[in-house]
Amino acid sequence: MSLSRPLYNMIGAYFEQLFNHPVRTKSITSCVIAASANVCSQKIAGVKRLNSDTVVAYGLFGLIFTGPLSHLFYQWLDRVTQDRRFRGILMLLGERALFAPIITALSLYFITRFEGKDHE
């Protein structure tokens, strides 16, 4: 048995879920990546005790917002950019002008709220 066989099986199962349930799979993936990134950043910063509130906040934001909104936005953007000549630049400008400011504003607000902090 090859050592890479379980890895190929796991990747195949992931792609199957991605094909059959794209929003759910992207939401869970975004949750895991965001929470893992927060843990890594805390470890790199040398924090003695992990702040679980921020780990949960980033995970929730990935699960609720980043995964579904990214999927829906790029699906919409793919539909509205039909011109083959300028498609790449239109998609880049659309993402930078529309999606990036919205997701940034949402992240600044909701991650703070998910951490249990108030509006001040």
PDB file of N, CA and C in Angstrom:
ATOM      1  N   MET A   1       0.841  -1.185   0.000  1.00  0.00           N
ATOM      2  CA  MET A   1       0.000   0.000   0.000  1.00  0.00           C
ATOM      3  C   MET A   1       0.881   1.241   0.000  1.00  0.00           C
ATOM      4  N   SER A   2       0.546   2.132  -0.823  1.00  0.00           N
ATOM      5  CA  SER A   2       1.294   3.379  -0.931  1.00  0.00           C
ATOM      6  C   SER A   2       0.971   4.303   0.240  1.00  0.00           C
ATOM      7  N   LEU A   3       1.967   5.047   0.676  1.00  0.00           N
ATOM      8  CA  LEU A   3       1.745   5.995   1.765  1.00  0.00           C
ATOM      9  C   LEU A   3       0.860   7.158   1.337  1.00  0.00           C
ATOM     10  N   SER A   4       0.834   7.458   0.050  1.00  0.00           N
ATOM     11  CA  SER A   4       0.049   8.592  -0.422  1.00  0.00           C
ATOM     12  C   SER A   4      -1.418   8.240  -0.673  1.00  0.00           C
ATOM     13  N   ARG A   5      -1.756   6.959  -0.627  1.00  0.00           N
ATOM     14  CA  ARG A   5      -3.125   6.538  -0.912  1.00  0.00           C
ATOM     15  C   ARG A   5      -4.146   7.175   0.022  1.00  0.00           C
ATOM     16  N   PRO A   6      -3.941   7.184   1.341  1.00  0.00           N
ATOM     17  CA  PRO A   6      -4.921   7.837   2.219  1.00  0.00           C
ATOM     18  C   PRO A   6      -5.070   9.330   1.925  1.00  0.00           C
ATOM     19  N   LEU A   7      -3.971   9.967   1.561  1.00  0.00           N
ATOM     20  CA  LEU A   7      -4.031  11.387   1.219  1.00  0.00           C
ATOM     21  C   LEU A   7      -4.871  11.598  -0.041  1.00  0.00           C
ATOM     22  N   TYR A   8      -4.670  10.769  -1.050  1.00  0.00           N
ATOM     23  CA  TYR A   8      -5.468  10.867  -2.269  1.00  0.00           C
ATOM     24  C   TYR A   8      -6.941  10.603  -1.980  1.00  0.00           C
ATOM     25  N   ASN A   9      -7.223   9.644  -1.115  1.00  0.00           N
ATOM     26  CA  ASN A   9      -8.609   9.357  -0.750  1.00  0.00           C
ATOM     27  C   ASN A   9      -9.248  10.543  -0.042  1.00  0.00           C
ATOM     28  N   MET A  10      -8.493  11.170   0.863  1.00  0.00           N
ATOM     29  CA  MET A  10      -9.008  12.318   1.600  1.00  0.00           C
ATOM     30  C   MET A  10      -9.260  13.499   0.655  1.00  0.00           C
ATOM     31  N   ILE A  11      -8.331  13.748  -0.250  1.00  0.00           N
ATOM     32  CA  ILE A  11      -8.507  14.838  -1.215  1.00  0.00           C
ATOM     33  C   ILE A  11      -9.684  14.545  -2.143  1.00  0.00           C
ATOM     34  N   GLY A  12      -9.821  13.296  -2.545  1.00  0.00           N
ATOM     35  CA  GLY A  12     -10.950  12.909  -3.388  1.00  0.00           C
ATOM     36  C   GLY A  12     -12.278  13.106  -2.687  1.00  0.00           C
ATOM     37  N   ALA A  13     -12.336  12.745  -1.405  1.00  0.00           N
ATOM     38  CA  ALA A  13     -13.563  12.941  -0.630  1.00  0.00           C
ATOM     39  C   ALA A  13     -13.876  14.429  -0.486  1.00  0.00           C
ATOM     40  N   TYR A  14     -12.831  15.229  -0.281  1.00  0.00           N
ATOM     41  CA  TYR A  14     -13.026  16.680  -0.169  1.00  0.00           C
ATOM     42  C   TYR A  14     -13.591  17.243  -1.473  1.00  0.00           C
ATOM     43  N   PHE A  15     -13.009  16.864  -2.607  1.00  0.00           N
ATOM     44  CA  PHE A  15     -13.488  17.364  -3.894  1.00  0.00           C
ATOM     45  C   PHE A  15     -14.908  16.888  -4.190  1.00  0.00           C
ATOM     46  N   GLU A  16     -15.235  15.689  -3.750  1.00  0.00           N
ATOM     47  CA  GLU A  16     -16.601  15.194  -3.929  1.00  0.00           C
ATOM     48  C   GLU A  16     -17.584  16.058  -3.143  1.00  0.00           C
ATOM     49  N   GLN A  17     -17.232  16.373  -1.896  1.00  0.00           N
ATOM     50  CA  GLN A  17     -18.076  17.254  -1.087  1.00  0.00           C
ATOM     51  C   GLN A  17     -18.154  18.652  -1.700  1.00  0.00           C
ATOM     52  N   LEU A  18     -17.039  19.130  -2.213  1.00  0.00           N
ATOM     53  CA  LEU A  18     -16.997  20.449  -2.839  1.00  0.00           C
ATOM     54  C   LEU A  18     -17.912  20.501  -4.060  1.00  0.00           C
ATOM     55  N   PHE A  19     -17.963  19.423  -4.816  1.00  0.00           N
ATOM     56  CA  PHE A  19     -18.827  19.366  -5.993  1.00  0.00           C
ATOM     57  C   PHE A  19     -20.296  19.247  -5.596  1.00  0.00           C
ATOM     58  N   ASN A  20     -20.597  18.387  -4.615  1.00  0.00           N
ATOM     59  CA  ASN A  20     -21.986  18.128  -4.228  1.00  0.00           C
ATOM     60  C   ASN A  20     -22.566  19.183  -3.297  1.00  0.00           C
ATOM     61  N   HIS A  21     -21.756  19.762  -2.432  1.00  0.00           N
ATOM     62  CA  HIS A  21     -22.213  20.739  -1.438  1.00  0.00           C
ATOM     63  C   HIS A  21     -21.213  21.896  -1.362  1.00  0.00           C
ATOM     64  N   PRO A  22     -21.150  22.735  -2.393  1.00  0.00           N
ATOM     65  CA  PRO A  22     -20.080  23.739  -2.447  1.00  0.00           C
ATOM     66  C   PRO A  22     -20.119  24.771  -1.324  1.00  0.00           C
ATOM     67  N   VAL A  23     -21.281  25.296  -0.991  1.00  0.00           N
ATOM     68  CA  VAL A  23     -21.345  26.347   0.031  1.00  0.00           C
ATOM     69  C   VAL A  23     -20.975  25.784   1.399  1.00  0.00           C
ATOM     70  N   ARG A  24     -21.538  24.643   1.740  1.00  0.00           N
ATOM     71  CA  ARG A  24     -21.230  24.029   3.033  1.00  0.00           C
ATOM     72  C   ARG A  24     -19.742  23.695   3.141  1.00  0.00           C
ATOM     73  N   THR A  25     -19.187  23.102   2.098  1.00  0.00           N
ATOM     74  CA  THR A  25     -17.776  22.718   2.116  1.00  0.00           C
ATOM     75  C   THR A  25     -16.868  23.937   2.207  1.00  0.00           C
ATOM     76  N   LYS A  26     -17.174  24.975   1.447  1.00  0.00           N
ATOM     77  CA  LYS A  26     -16.360  26.191   1.496  1.00  0.00           C
ATOM     78  C   LYS A  26     -16.490  26.890   2.845  1.00  0.00           C
ATOM     79  N   SER A  27     -17.669  26.844   3.448  1.00  0.00           N
ATOM     80  CA  SER A  27     -17.864  27.456   4.765  1.00  0.00           C
ATOM     81  C   SER A  27     -17.044  26.740   5.828  1.00  0.00           C
ATOM     82  N   ILE A  28     -17.090  25.433   5.831  1.00  0.00           N
ATOM     83  CA  ILE A  28     -16.328  24.657   6.814  1.00  0.00           C
ATOM     84  C   ILE A  28     -14.832  24.831   6.578  1.00  0.00           C
ATOM     85  N   THR A  29     -14.416  24.820   5.319  1.00  0.00           N
ATOM     86  CA  THR A  29     -13.002  25.028   4.997  1.00  0.00           C
ATOM     87  C   THR A  29     -12.537  26.395   5.468  1.00  0.00           C
ATOM     88  N   SER A  30     -13.331  27.411   5.210  1.00  0.00           N
ATOM     89  CA  SER A  30     -12.989  28.767   5.632  1.00  0.00           C
ATOM     90  C   SER A  30     -12.917  28.871   7.150  1.00  0.00           C
ATOM     91  N   CYS A  31     -13.812  28.191   7.840  1.00  0.00           N
ATOM     92  CA  CYS A  31     -13.802  28.166   9.305  1.00  0.00           C
ATOM     93  C   CYS A  31     -12.507  27.556   9.826  1.00  0.00           C
ATOM     94  N   VAL A  32     -12.135  26.427   9.291  1.00  0.00           N
ATOM     95  CA  VAL A  32     -10.918  25.734   9.735  1.00  0.00           C
ATOM     96  C   VAL A  32      -9.675  26.564   9.429  1.00  0.00           C
ATOM     97  N   ILE A  33      -9.612  27.136   8.240  1.00  0.00           N
ATOM     98  CA  ILE A  33      -8.440  27.938   7.868  1.00  0.00           C
ATOM     99  C   ILE A  33      -8.336  29.189   8.735  1.00  0.00           C
ATOM    100  N   ALA A  34      -9.454  29.889   8.947  1.00  0.00           N
ATOM    101  CA  ALA A  34      -9.425  31.125   9.741  1.00  0.00           C
ATOM    102  C   ALA A  34      -9.043  30.845  11.191  1.00  0.00           C
ATOM    103  N   ALA A  35      -9.627  29.805  11.779  1.00  0.00           N
ATOM    104  CA  ALA A  35      -9.297  29.470  13.167  1.00  0.00           C
ATOM    105  C   ALA A  35      -7.844  29.016  13.281  1.00  0.00           C
ATOM    106  N   SER A  36      -7.386  28.205  12.344  1.00  0.00           N
ATOM    107  CA  SER A  36      -5.993  27.741  12.359  1.00  0.00           C
ATOM    108  C   SER A  36      -5.016  28.896  12.184  1.00  0.00           C
ATOM    109  N   ALA A  37      -5.348  29.822  11.310  1.00  0.00           N
ATOM    110  CA  ALA A  37      -4.489  30.989  11.095  1.00  0.00           C
ATOM    111  C   ALA A  37      -4.398  31.833  12.354  1.00  0.00           C
ATOM    112  N   ASN A  38      -5.511  31.951  13.077  1.00  0.00           N
ATOM    113  CA  ASN A  38      -5.481  32.726  14.316  1.00  0.00           C
ATOM    114  C   ASN A  38      -4.621  32.043  15.371  1.00  0.00           C
ATOM    115  N   VAL A  39      -4.727  30.734  15.469  1.00  0.00           N
ATOM    116  CA  VAL A  39      -3.884  29.988  16.415  1.00  0.00           C
ATOM    117  C   VAL A  39      -2.413  30.172  16.050  1.00  0.00           C
ATOM    118  N   CYS A  40      -2.089  30.035  14.766  1.00  0.00           N
ATOM    119  CA  CYS A  40      -0.695  30.216  14.320  1.00  0.00           C
ATOM    120  C   CYS A  40      -0.190  31.616  14.620  1.00  0.00           C
ATOM    121  N   SER A  41      -1.009  32.621  14.365  1.00  0.00           N
ATOM    122  CA  SER A  41      -0.558  33.997  14.612  1.00  0.00           C
ATOM    123  C   SER A  41      -0.323  34.247  16.093  1.00  0.00           C
ATOM    124  N   GLN A  42      -1.141  33.646  16.939  1.00  0.00           N
ATOM    125  CA  GLN A  42      -0.925  33.795  18.377  1.00  0.00           C
ATOM    126  C   GLN A  42       0.356  33.088  18.807  1.00  0.00           C
ATOM    127  N   LYS A  43       0.610  31.918  18.245  1.00  0.00           N
ATOM    128  CA  LYS A  43       1.840  31.185  18.580  1.00  0.00           C
ATOM    129  C   LYS A  43       3.077  31.940  18.101  1.00  0.00           C
ATOM    130  N   ILE A  44       3.018  32.483  16.891  1.00  0.00           N
ATOM    131  CA  ILE A  44       4.147  33.249  16.359  1.00  0.00           C
ATOM    132  C   ILE A  44       4.398  34.497  17.201  1.00  0.00           C
ATOM    133  N   ALA A  45       3.322  35.117  17.684  1.00  0.00           N
ATOM    134  CA  ALA A  45       3.452  36.322  18.511  1.00  0.00           C
ATOM    135  C   ALA A  45       3.990  36.003  19.900  1.00  0.00           C
ATOM    136  N   GLY A  46       4.043  34.734  20.241  1.00  0.00           N
ATOM    137  CA  GLY A  46       4.609  34.328  21.522  1.00  0.00           C
ATOM    138  C   GLY A  46       3.651  34.415  22.695  1.00  0.00           C
ATOM    139  N   VAL A  47       2.365  34.320  22.421  1.00  0.00           N
ATOM    140  CA  VAL A  47       1.369  34.375  23.486  1.00  0.00           C
ATOM    141  C   VAL A  47       1.507  33.136  24.366  1.00  0.00           C
ATOM    142  N   LYS A  48       1.533  33.352  25.676  1.00  0.00           N
ATOM    143  CA  LYS A  48       1.676  32.223  26.615  1.00  0.00           C
ATOM    144  C   LYS A  48       0.413  31.372  26.663  1.00  0.00           C
ATOM    145  N   ARG A  49      -0.730  32.046  26.724  1.00  0.00           N
ATOM    146  CA  ARG A  49      -2.009  31.347  26.822  1.00  0.00           C
ATOM    147  C   ARG A  49      -2.859  31.733  25.613  1.00  0.00           C
ATOM    148  N   LEU A  50      -3.313  30.742  24.876  1.00  0.00           N
ATOM    149  CA  LEU A  50      -4.097  30.967  23.668  1.00  0.00           C
ATOM    150  C   LEU A  50      -5.413  31.668  24.014  1.00  0.00           C
ATOM    151  N   ASN A  51      -5.751  32.709  23.277  1.00  0.00           N
ATOM    152  CA  ASN A  51      -7.017  33.416  23.468  1.00  0.00           C
ATOM    153  C   ASN A  51      -8.086  32.702  22.645  1.00  0.00           C
ATOM    154  N   SER A  52      -8.870  31.883  23.305  1.00  0.00           N
ATOM    155  CA  SER A  52      -9.861  31.077  22.593  1.00  0.00           C
ATOM    156  C   SER A  52     -10.994  31.925  22.028  1.00  0.00           C
ATOM    157  N   ASP A  53     -11.242  33.097  22.615  1.00  0.00           N
ATOM    158  CA  ASP A  53     -12.300  33.964  22.084  1.00  0.00           C
ATOM    159  C   ASP A  53     -11.997  34.389  20.651  1.00  0.00           C
ATOM    160  N   THR A  54     -10.746  34.743  20.383  1.00  0.00           N
ATOM    161  CA  THR A  54     -10.408  35.172  19.023  1.00  0.00           C
ATOM    162  C   THR A  54     -10.393  33.992  18.053  1.00  0.00           C
ATOM    163  N   VAL A  55      -9.978  32.836  18.527  1.00  0.00           N
ATOM    164  CA  VAL A  55      -9.990  31.646  17.661  1.00  0.00           C
ATOM    165  C   VAL A  55     -11.426  31.334  17.242  1.00  0.00           C
ATOM    166  N   VAL A  56     -12.341  31.346  18.197  1.00  0.00           N
ATOM    167  CA  VAL A  56     -13.754  31.086  17.899  1.00  0.00           C
ATOM    168  C   VAL A  56     -14.326  32.184  17.005  1.00  0.00           C
ATOM    169  N   ALA A  57     -13.975  33.437  17.286  1.00  0.00           N
ATOM    170  CA  ALA A  57     -14.491  34.557  16.491  1.00  0.00           C
ATOM    171  C   ALA A  57     -14.072  34.439  15.027  1.00  0.00           C
ATOM    172  N   TYR A  58     -12.811  34.152  14.798  1.00  0.00           N
ATOM    173  CA  TYR A  58     -12.335  34.015  13.417  1.00  0.00           C
ATOM    174  C   TYR A  58     -12.962  32.796  12.742  1.00  0.00           C
ATOM    175  N   GLY A  59     -13.107  31.709  13.477  1.00  0.00           N
ATOM    176  CA  GLY A  59     -13.748  30.523  12.921  1.00  0.00           C
ATOM    177  C   GLY A  59     -15.198  30.778  12.549  1.00  0.00           C
ATOM    178  N   LEU A  60     -15.924  31.450  13.435  1.00  0.00           N
ATOM    179  CA  LEU A  60     -17.324  31.778  13.148  1.00  0.00           C
ATOM    180  C   LEU A  60     -17.448  32.699  11.940  1.00  0.00           C
ATOM    181  N   PHE A  61     -16.563  33.676  11.870  1.00  0.00           N
ATOM    182  CA  PHE A  61     -16.617  34.593  10.728  1.00  0.00           C
ATOM    183  C   PHE A  61     -16.377  33.839   9.419  1.00  0.00           C
ATOM    184  N   GLY A  62     -15.426  32.940   9.418  1.00  0.00           N
ATOM    185  CA  GLY A  62     -15.181  32.139   8.222  1.00  0.00           C
ATOM    186  C   GLY A  62     -16.370  31.268   7.864  1.00  0.00           C
ATOM    187  N   LEU A  63     -16.981  30.667   8.879  1.00  0.00           N
ATOM    188  CA  LEU A  63     -18.119  29.773   8.668  1.00  0.00           C
ATOM    189  C   LEU A  63     -19.346  30.521   8.164  1.00  0.00           C
ATOM    190  N   ILE A  64     -19.655  31.652   8.793  1.00  0.00           N
ATOM    191  CA  ILE A  64     -20.897  32.359   8.500  1.00  0.00           C
ATOM    192  C   ILE A  64     -20.768  33.319   7.320  1.00  0.00           C
ATOM    193  N   PHE A  65     -19.626  33.984   7.194  1.00  0.00           N
ATOM    194  CA  PHE A  65     -19.501  35.033   6.187  1.00  0.00           C
ATOM    195  C   PHE A  65     -18.560  34.687   5.037  1.00  0.00           C
ATOM    196  N   THR A  66     -17.303  34.421   5.330  1.00  0.00           N
ATOM    197  CA  THR A  66     -16.311  34.291   4.268  1.00  0.00           C
ATOM    198  C   THR A  66     -16.638  33.163   3.291  1.00  0.00           C
ATOM    199  N   GLY A  67     -16.952  31.991   3.792  1.00  0.00           N
ATOM    200  CA  GLY A  67     -17.246  30.858   2.913  1.00  0.00           C
ATOM    201  C   GLY A  67     -18.438  31.099   2.004  1.00  0.00           C
ATOM    202  N   PRO A  68     -19.624  31.369   2.580  1.00  0.00           N
ATOM    203  CA  PRO A  68     -20.801  31.558   1.722  1.00  0.00           C
ATOM    204  C   PRO A  68     -20.725  32.803   0.838  1.00  0.00           C
ATOM    205  N   LEU A  69     -20.275  33.930   1.399  1.00  0.00           N
ATOM    206  CA  LEU A  69     -20.232  35.159   0.605  1.00  0.00           C
ATOM    207  C   LEU A  69     -19.232  35.064  -0.539  1.00  0.00           C
ATOM    208  N   SER A  70     -18.090  34.450  -0.292  1.00  0.00           N
ATOM    209  CA  SER A  70     -17.105  34.280  -1.366  1.00  0.00           C
ATOM    210  C   SER A  70     -17.690  33.442  -2.494  1.00  0.00           C
ATOM    211  N   HIS A  71     -18.331  32.347  -2.139  1.00  0.00           N
ATOM    212  CA  HIS A  71     -18.921  31.470  -3.148  1.00  0.00           C
ATOM    213  C   HIS A  71     -19.955  32.227  -3.980  1.00  0.00           C
ATOM    214  N   LEU A  72     -20.880  32.887  -3.292  1.00  0.00           N
ATOM    215  CA  LEU A  72     -21.951  33.576  -4.000  1.00  0.00           C
ATOM    216  C   LEU A  72     -21.435  34.755  -4.816  1.00  0.00           C
ATOM    217  N   PHE A  73     -20.487  35.514  -4.278  1.00  0.00           N
ATOM    218  CA  PHE A  73     -19.953  36.661  -5.009  1.00  0.00           C
ATOM    219  C   PHE A  73     -19.224  36.216  -6.272  1.00  0.00           C
ATOM    220  N   TYR A  74     -18.358  35.237  -6.160  1.00  0.00           N
ATOM    221  CA  TYR A  74     -17.603  34.812  -7.344  1.00  0.00           C
ATOM    222  C   TYR A  74     -18.491  34.111  -8.363  1.00  0.00           C
ATOM    223  N   GLN A  75     -19.545  33.471  -7.906  1.00  0.00           N
ATOM    224  CA  GLN A  75     -20.508  32.882  -8.826  1.00  0.00           C
ATOM    225  C   GLN A  75     -21.212  33.999  -9.614  1.00  0.00           C
ATOM    226  N   TRP A  76     -21.619  35.060  -8.906  1.00  0.00           N
ATOM    227  CA  TRP A  76     -22.245  36.213  -9.551  1.00  0.00           C
ATOM    228  C   TRP A  76     -21.265  36.901 -10.497  1.00  0.00           C
ATOM    229  N   LEU A  77     -20.042  37.118 -10.026  1.00  0.00           N
ATOM    230  CA  LEU A  77     -19.034  37.800 -10.831  1.00  0.00           C
ATOM    231  C   LEU A  77     -18.729  37.015 -12.106  1.00  0.00           C
ATOM    232  N   ASP A  78     -18.739  35.717 -12.010  1.00  0.00           N
ATOM    233  CA  ASP A  78     -18.507  34.866 -13.179  1.00  0.00           C
ATOM    234  C   ASP A  78     -19.619  35.045 -14.213  1.00  0.00           C
ATOM    235  N   ARG A  79     -20.854  35.221 -13.735  1.00  0.00           N
ATOM    236  CA  ARG A  79     -21.985  35.417 -14.646  1.00  0.00           C
ATOM    237  C   ARG A  79     -21.952  36.780 -15.333  1.00  0.00           C
ATOM    238  N   VAL A  80     -21.560  37.827 -14.605  1.00  0.00           N
ATOM    239  CA  VAL A  80     -21.641  39.181 -15.174  1.00  0.00           C
ATOM    240  C   VAL A  80     -20.419  39.565 -16.006  1.00  0.00           C
ATOM    241  N   THR A  81     -19.353  38.813 -15.921  1.00  0.00           N
ATOM    242  CA  THR A  81     -18.160  39.126 -16.724  1.00  0.00           C
ATOM    243  C   THR A  81     -18.047  38.128 -17.867  1.00  0.00           C
ATOM    244  N   GLN A  82     -18.832  38.370 -18.895  1.00  0.00           N
ATOM    245  CA  GLN A  82     -18.867  37.444 -20.033  1.00  0.00           C
ATOM    246  C   GLN A  82     -17.884  37.812 -21.138  1.00  0.00           C
ATOM    247  N   ASP A  83     -17.432  39.058 -21.171  1.00  0.00           N
ATOM    248  CA  ASP A  83     -16.513  39.506 -22.215  1.00  0.00           C
ATOM    249  C   ASP A  83     -15.151  38.835 -22.027  1.00  0.00           C
ATOM    250  N   ARG A  84     -14.762  37.980 -22.937  1.00  0.00           N
ATOM    251  CA  ARG A  84     -13.520  37.211 -22.827  1.00  0.00           C
ATOM    252  C   ARG A  84     -12.269  38.082 -22.861  1.00  0.00           C
ATOM    253  N   ARG A  85     -12.315  39.179 -23.599  1.00  0.00           N
ATOM    254  CA  ARG A  85     -11.124  40.012 -23.746  1.00  0.00           C
ATOM    255  C   ARG A  85     -10.722  40.682 -22.437  1.00  0.00           C
ATOM    256  N   PHE A  86     -11.698  41.139 -21.697  1.00  0.00           N
ATOM    257  CA  PHE A  86     -11.416  41.908 -20.487  1.00  0.00           C
ATOM    258  C   PHE A  86     -11.858  41.189 -19.213  1.00  0.00           C
ATOM    259  N   ARG A  87     -12.139  39.924 -19.311  1.00  0.00           N
ATOM    260  CA  ARG A  87     -12.690  39.190 -18.178  1.00  0.00           C
ATOM    261  C   ARG A  87     -11.781  39.219 -16.956  1.00  0.00           C
ATOM    262  N   GLY A  88     -10.510  38.962 -17.137  1.00  0.00           N
ATOM    263  CA  GLY A  88      -9.578  38.945 -16.008  1.00  0.00           C
ATOM    264  C   GLY A  88      -9.517  40.266 -15.281  1.00  0.00           C
ATOM    265  N   ILE A  89      -9.400  41.347 -16.039  1.00  0.00           N
ATOM    266  CA  ILE A  89      -9.306  42.665 -15.411  1.00  0.00           C
ATOM    267  C   ILE A  89     -10.636  43.064 -14.780  1.00  0.00           C
ATOM    268  N   LEU A  90     -11.752  42.711 -15.425  1.00  0.00           N
ATOM    269  CA  LEU A  90     -13.063  43.012 -14.848  1.00  0.00           C
ATOM    270  C   LEU A  90     -13.286  42.254 -13.545  1.00  0.00           C
ATOM    271  N   MET A  91     -12.869  41.006 -13.510  1.00  0.00           N
ATOM    272  CA  MET A  91     -13.020  40.223 -12.281  1.00  0.00           C
ATOM    273  C   MET A  91     -12.140  40.790 -11.171  1.00  0.00           C
ATOM    274  N   LEU A  92     -10.922  41.169 -11.515  1.00  0.00           N
ATOM    275  CA  LEU A  92     -10.025  41.759 -10.524  1.00  0.00           C
ATOM    276  C   LEU A  92     -10.588  43.068  -9.988  1.00  0.00           C
ATOM    277  N   LEU A  93     -11.019  43.943 -10.876  1.00  0.00           N
ATOM    278  CA  LEU A  93     -11.578  45.225 -10.450  1.00  0.00           C
ATOM    279  C   LEU A  93     -12.870  45.039  -9.658  1.00  0.00           C
ATOM    280  N   GLY A  94     -13.710  44.110 -10.095  1.00  0.00           N
ATOM    281  CA  GLY A  94     -14.950  43.834  -9.368  1.00  0.00           C
ATOM    282  C   GLY A  94     -14.685  43.323  -7.967  1.00  0.00           C
ATOM    283  N   GLU A  95     -13.723  42.440  -7.847  1.00  0.00           N
ATOM    284  CA  GLU A  95     -13.382  41.899  -6.522  1.00  0.00           C
ATOM    285  C   GLU A  95     -12.793  42.979  -5.635  1.00  0.00           C
ATOM    286  N   ARG A  96     -11.872  43.752  -6.170  1.00  0.00           N
ATOM    287  CA  ARG A  96     -11.205  44.805  -5.381  1.00  0.00           C
ATOM    288  C   ARG A  96     -12.155  45.941  -5.032  1.00  0.00           C
ATOM    289  N   ALA A  97     -13.056  46.307  -5.952  1.00  0.00           N
ATOM    290  CA  ALA A  97     -13.946  47.449  -5.725  1.00  0.00           C
ATOM    291  C   ALA A  97     -15.192  47.091  -4.927  1.00  0.00           C
ATOM    292  N   LEU A  98     -15.679  45.862  -5.066  1.00  0.00           N
ATOM    293  CA  LEU A  98     -16.932  45.489  -4.410  1.00  0.00           C
ATOM    294  C   LEU A  98     -16.734  44.565  -3.210  1.00  0.00           C
ATOM    295  N   PHE A  99     -16.104  43.432  -3.460  1.00  0.00           N
ATOM    296  CA  PHE A  99     -16.037  42.409  -2.415  1.00  0.00           C
ATOM    297  C   PHE A  99     -15.080  42.763  -1.288  1.00  0.00           C
ATOM    298  N   ALA A 100     -13.893  43.221  -1.624  1.00  0.00           N
ATOM    299  CA  ALA A 100     -12.876  43.490  -0.600  1.00  0.00           C
ATOM    300  C   ALA A 100     -13.333  44.507   0.445  1.00  0.00           C
ATOM    301  N   PRO A 101     -13.908  45.657   0.056  1.00  0.00           N
ATOM    302  CA  PRO A 101     -14.345  46.596   1.096  1.00  0.00           C
ATOM    303  C   PRO A 101     -15.472  46.048   1.970  1.00  0.00           C
ATOM    304  N   ILE A 102     -16.382  45.317   1.357  1.00  0.00           N
ATOM    305  CA  ILE A 102     -17.514  44.778   2.117  1.00  0.00           C
ATOM    306  C   ILE A 102     -17.044  43.722   3.107  1.00  0.00           C
ATOM    307  N   ILE A 103     -16.220  42.779   2.666  1.00  0.00           N
ATOM    308  CA  ILE A 103     -15.766  41.713   3.565  1.00  0.00           C
ATOM    309  C   ILE A 103     -14.854  42.271   4.653  1.00  0.00           C
ATOM    310  N   THR A 104     -14.094  43.319   4.335  1.00  0.00           N
ATOM    311  CA  THR A 104     -13.240  43.951   5.341  1.00  0.00           C
ATOM    312  C   THR A 104     -14.087  44.625   6.412  1.00  0.00           C
ATOM    313  N   ALA A 105     -15.100  45.380   5.994  1.00  0.00           N
ATOM    314  CA  ALA A 105     -15.980  46.040   6.961  1.00  0.00           C
ATOM    315  C   ALA A 105     -16.712  45.017   7.823  1.00  0.00           C
ATOM    316  N   LEU A 106     -17.222  43.971   7.188  1.00  0.00           N
ATOM    317  CA  LEU A 106     -17.904  42.922   7.948  1.00  0.00           C
ATOM    318  C   LEU A 106     -16.962  42.256   8.943  1.00  0.00           C
ATOM    319  N   SER A 107     -15.739  41.990   8.522  1.00  0.00           N
ATOM    320  CA  SER A 107     -14.795  41.315   9.423  1.00  0.00           C
ATOM    321  C   SER A 107     -14.435  42.197  10.605  1.00  0.00           C
ATOM    322  N   LEU A 108     -14.195  43.480  10.366  1.00  0.00           N
ATOM    323  CA  LEU A 108     -13.853  44.375  11.473  1.00  0.00           C
ATOM    324  C   LEU A 108     -14.982  44.443  12.496  1.00  0.00           C
ATOM    325  N   TYR A 109     -16.211  44.482  12.021  1.00  0.00           N
ATOM    326  CA  TYR A 109     -17.346  44.572  12.938  1.00  0.00           C
ATOM    327  C   TYR A 109     -17.644  43.238  13.619  1.00  0.00           C
ATOM    328  N   PHE A 110     -17.857  42.187  12.827  1.00  0.00           N
ATOM    329  CA  PHE A 110     -18.352  40.939  13.393  1.00  0.00           C
ATOM    330  C   PHE A 110     -17.310  40.169  14.199  1.00  0.00           C
ATOM    331  N   ILE A 111     -16.057  40.218  13.820  1.00  0.00           N
ATOM    332  CA  ILE A 111     -15.051  39.523  14.632  1.00  0.00           C
ATOM    333  C   ILE A 111     -14.984  40.151  16.012  1.00  0.00           C
ATOM    334  N   THR A 112     -15.066  41.482  16.070  1.00  0.00           N
ATOM    335  CA  THR A 112     -15.094  42.168  17.359  1.00  0.00           C
ATOM    336  C   THR A 112     -16.321  41.757  18.159  1.00  0.00           C
ATOM    337  N   ARG A 113     -17.463  41.678  17.508  1.00  0.00           N
ATOM    338  CA  ARG A 113     -18.702  41.271  18.195  1.00  0.00           C
ATOM    339  C   ARG A 113     -18.622  39.805  18.638  1.00  0.00           C
ATOM    340  N   PHE A 114     -18.089  38.940  17.795  1.00  0.00           N
ATOM    341  CA  PHE A 114     -17.963  37.527  18.151  1.00  0.00           C
ATOM    342  C   PHE A 114     -16.996  37.319  19.313  1.00  0.00           C
ATOM    343  N   GLU A 115     -16.039  38.234  19.472  1.00  0.00           N
ATOM    344  CA  GLU A 115     -15.113  38.156  20.608  1.00  0.00           C
ATOM    345  C   GLU A 115     -15.772  38.605  21.905  1.00  0.00           C
ATOM    346  N   GLY A 116     -16.992  39.115  21.808  1.00  0.00           N
ATOM    347  CA  GLY A 116     -17.723  39.539  22.999  1.00  0.00           C
ATOM    348  C   GLY A 116     -17.502  40.988  23.372  1.00  0.00           C
ATOM    349  N   LYS A 117     -16.890  41.757  22.488  1.00  0.00           N
ATOM    350  CA  LYS A 117     -16.648  43.175  22.764  1.00  0.00           C
ATOM    351  C   LYS A 117     -17.850  43.995  22.318  1.00  0.00           C
ATOM    352  N   ASP A 118     -18.033  45.161  22.958  1.00  0.00           N
ATOM    353  CA  ASP A 118     -19.156  46.013  22.581  1.00  0.00           C
ATOM    354  C   ASP A 118     -18.732  47.034  21.530  1.00  0.00           C
ATOM    355  N   HIS A 119     -19.626  47.970  21.235  1.00  0.00           N
ATOM    356  CA  HIS A 119     -19.382  48.938  20.166  1.00  0.00           C
ATOM    357  C   HIS A 119     -18.319  49.976  20.495  1.00  0.00           C
ATOM    358  N   GLU A 120     -17.999  50.179  21.737  1.00  0.00           N
ATOM    359  CA  GLU A 120     -16.965  51.153  22.072  1.00  0.00           C
ATOM    360  C   GLU A 120     -15.669  50.512  21.819  1.00  0.00           C
TER     361      GLU A 120
END
